[in-house]
Amino acid sequence: MLVLSRKSGQRIQIGPDICVTVVKLNSGGVRLGIEAPPELAVVRGELADQIQAEAEAVSEQAADALRIFNGEEQES
């Protein structure tokens, strides 16, 4: 992990297409602006974790449904 110190208004360039700007600093946190191509999803880490957990649950349900459809025993 690269750790950088930046002041308000300063930017970090990630590759040719992604730029992170420090918009505001306060004692409780930092506000960042992120410029990225529209086809690139930019989400908070906790939201990405939630999306992944939901996708895994749906995948598990689909696998169970397929086993039932095929007449296989369900795993307990």
C-alpha atoms as a PDB file:
ATOM      1  CA  MET A   1       0.000   0.000   0.000  1.00  0.00           C
ATOM      2  CA  LEU A   2       1.274   3.427  -0.924  1.00  0.00           C
ATOM      3  CA  VAL A   3       0.599   6.067   1.745  1.00  0.00           C
ATOM      4  CA  LEU A   4       0.783   9.719   0.710  1.00  0.00           C
ATOM      5  CA  SER A   5       0.263  13.016   2.473  1.00  0.00           C
ATOM      6  CA  ARG A   6      -1.732  15.586   0.520  1.00  0.00           C
ATOM      7  CA  LYS A   7      -3.152  19.009   1.268  1.00  0.00           C
ATOM      8  CA  SER A   8      -6.566  20.274   0.268  1.00  0.00           C
ATOM      9  CA  GLY A   9      -6.688  20.855  -3.487  1.00  0.00           C
ATOM     10  CA  GLN A  10      -3.788  18.509  -4.240  1.00  0.00           C
ATOM     11  CA  ARG A  11      -4.269  15.575  -6.585  1.00  0.00           C
ATOM     12  CA  ILE A  12      -3.092  11.997  -7.011  1.00  0.00           C
ATOM     13  CA  GLN A  13      -2.974  10.504 -10.499  1.00  0.00           C
ATOM     14  CA  ILE A  14      -3.609   6.742 -10.805  1.00  0.00           C
ATOM     15  CA  GLY A  15      -2.748   5.590 -14.286  1.00  0.00           C
ATOM     16  CA  PRO A  16      -3.779   7.707 -17.251  1.00  0.00           C
ATOM     17  CA  ASP A  17      -7.518   7.743 -16.486  1.00  0.00           C
ATOM     18  CA  ILE A  18      -8.019   8.109 -12.723  1.00  0.00           C
ATOM     19  CA  CYS A  19      -7.404  11.213 -10.638  1.00  0.00           C
ATOM     20  CA  VAL A  20      -8.142  11.652  -6.918  1.00  0.00           C
ATOM     21  CA  THR A  21      -8.379  15.200  -5.533  1.00  0.00           C
ATOM     22  CA  VAL A  22      -8.423  16.138  -1.851  1.00  0.00           C
ATOM     23  CA  VAL A  23     -11.473  18.399  -1.727  1.00  0.00           C
ATOM     24  CA  LYS A  24     -11.767  19.111   1.989  1.00  0.00           C
ATOM     25  CA  LEU A  25     -10.006  18.193   5.216  1.00  0.00           C
ATOM     26  CA  ASN A  26     -11.474  18.329   8.704  1.00  0.00           C
ATOM     27  CA  SER A  27     -10.841  16.668  12.059  1.00  0.00           C
ATOM     28  CA  GLY A  28     -13.360  13.893  11.320  1.00  0.00           C
ATOM     29  CA  GLY A  29     -12.127  12.842   7.902  1.00  0.00           C
ATOM     30  CA  VAL A  30     -11.327  13.809   4.368  1.00  0.00           C
ATOM     31  CA  ARG A  31     -13.546  14.509   1.361  1.00  0.00           C
ATOM     32  CA  LEU A  32     -12.167  13.160  -1.909  1.00  0.00           C
ATOM     33  CA  GLY A  33     -13.139  13.830  -5.499  1.00  0.00           C
ATOM     34  CA  ILE A  34     -12.546  10.969  -7.927  1.00  0.00           C
ATOM     35  CA  GLU A  35     -12.398  11.397 -11.688  1.00  0.00           C
ATOM     36  CA  ALA A  36     -12.620   8.098 -13.570  1.00  0.00           C
ATOM     37  CA  PRO A  37     -14.015   6.806 -16.858  1.00  0.00           C
ATOM     38  CA  PRO A  38     -17.789   6.172 -16.718  1.00  0.00           C
ATOM     39  CA  GLU A  39     -17.320   2.451 -17.416  1.00  0.00           C
ATOM     40  CA  LEU A  40     -15.238   2.091 -14.240  1.00  0.00           C
ATOM     41  CA  ALA A  41     -17.292   1.550 -11.079  1.00  0.00           C
ATOM     42  CA  VAL A  42     -16.100   3.628  -8.130  1.00  0.00           C
ATOM     43  CA  VAL A  43     -17.744   2.606  -4.849  1.00  0.00           C
ATOM     44  CA  ARG A  44     -16.962   2.785  -1.135  1.00  0.00           C
ATOM     45  CA  GLY A  45     -15.208  -0.294   0.242  1.00  0.00           C
ATOM     46  CA  GLU A  46     -18.078  -1.265   2.549  1.00  0.00           C
ATOM     47  CA  LEU A  47     -20.516  -1.042  -0.367  1.00  0.00           C
ATOM     48  CA  ALA A  48     -18.270  -3.224  -2.530  1.00  0.00           C
ATOM     49  CA  ASP A  49     -18.174  -5.803   0.300  1.00  0.00           C
ATOM     50  CA  GLN A  50     -21.987  -5.751   0.535  1.00  0.00           C
ATOM     51  CA  ILE A  51     -22.382  -6.164  -3.238  1.00  0.00           C
ATOM     52  CA  GLN A  52     -19.973  -9.110  -3.220  1.00  0.00           C
ATOM     53  CA  ALA A  53     -21.786 -10.793  -0.298  1.00  0.00           C
ATOM     54  CA  GLU A  54     -25.153 -10.390  -2.053  1.00  0.00           C
ATOM     55  CA  ALA A  55     -23.732 -11.779  -5.308  1.00  0.00           C
ATOM     56  CA  GLU A  56     -22.359 -14.808  -3.454  1.00  0.00           C
ATOM     57  CA  ALA A  57     -25.751 -15.394  -1.775  1.00  0.00           C
ATOM     58  CA  VAL A  58     -27.567 -15.214  -5.126  1.00  0.00           C
ATOM     59  CA  SER A  59     -25.033 -17.584  -6.674  1.00  0.00           C
ATOM     60  CA  GLU A  60     -25.538 -20.051  -3.814  1.00  0.00           C
ATOM     61  CA  GLN A  61     -29.333 -19.851  -4.222  1.00  0.00           C
ATOM     62  CA  ALA A  62     -29.015 -20.446  -7.966  1.00  0.00           C
ATOM     63  CA  ALA A  63     -26.806 -23.490  -7.363  1.00  0.00           C
ATOM     64  CA  ASP A  64     -29.362 -24.870  -4.882  1.00  0.00           C
ATOM     65  CA  ALA A  65     -32.193 -24.316  -7.370  1.00  0.00           C
ATOM     66  CA  LEU A  66     -30.220 -26.072 -10.105  1.00  0.00           C
ATOM     67  CA  ARG A  67     -29.574 -29.081  -7.839  1.00  0.00           C
ATOM     68  CA  ILE A  68     -33.298 -29.289  -7.017  1.00  0.00           C
ATOM     69  CA  PHE A  69     -34.191 -28.973 -10.707  1.00  0.00           C
ATOM     70  CA  ASN A  70     -31.783 -31.791 -11.548  1.00  0.00           C
ATOM     71  CA  GLY A  71     -33.202 -33.964  -8.746  1.00  0.00           C
ATOM     72  CA  GLU A  72     -29.972 -34.016  -6.762  1.00  0.00           C
ATOM     73  CA  GLU A  73     -29.806 -34.185  -2.981  1.00  0.00           C
ATOM     74  CA  GLN A  74     -29.401 -30.842  -1.233  1.00  0.00           C
ATOM     75  CA  GLU A  75     -26.309 -30.402   0.907  1.00  0.00           C
ATOM     76  CA  SER A  76     -27.037 -29.800   4.578  1.00  0.00           C
END
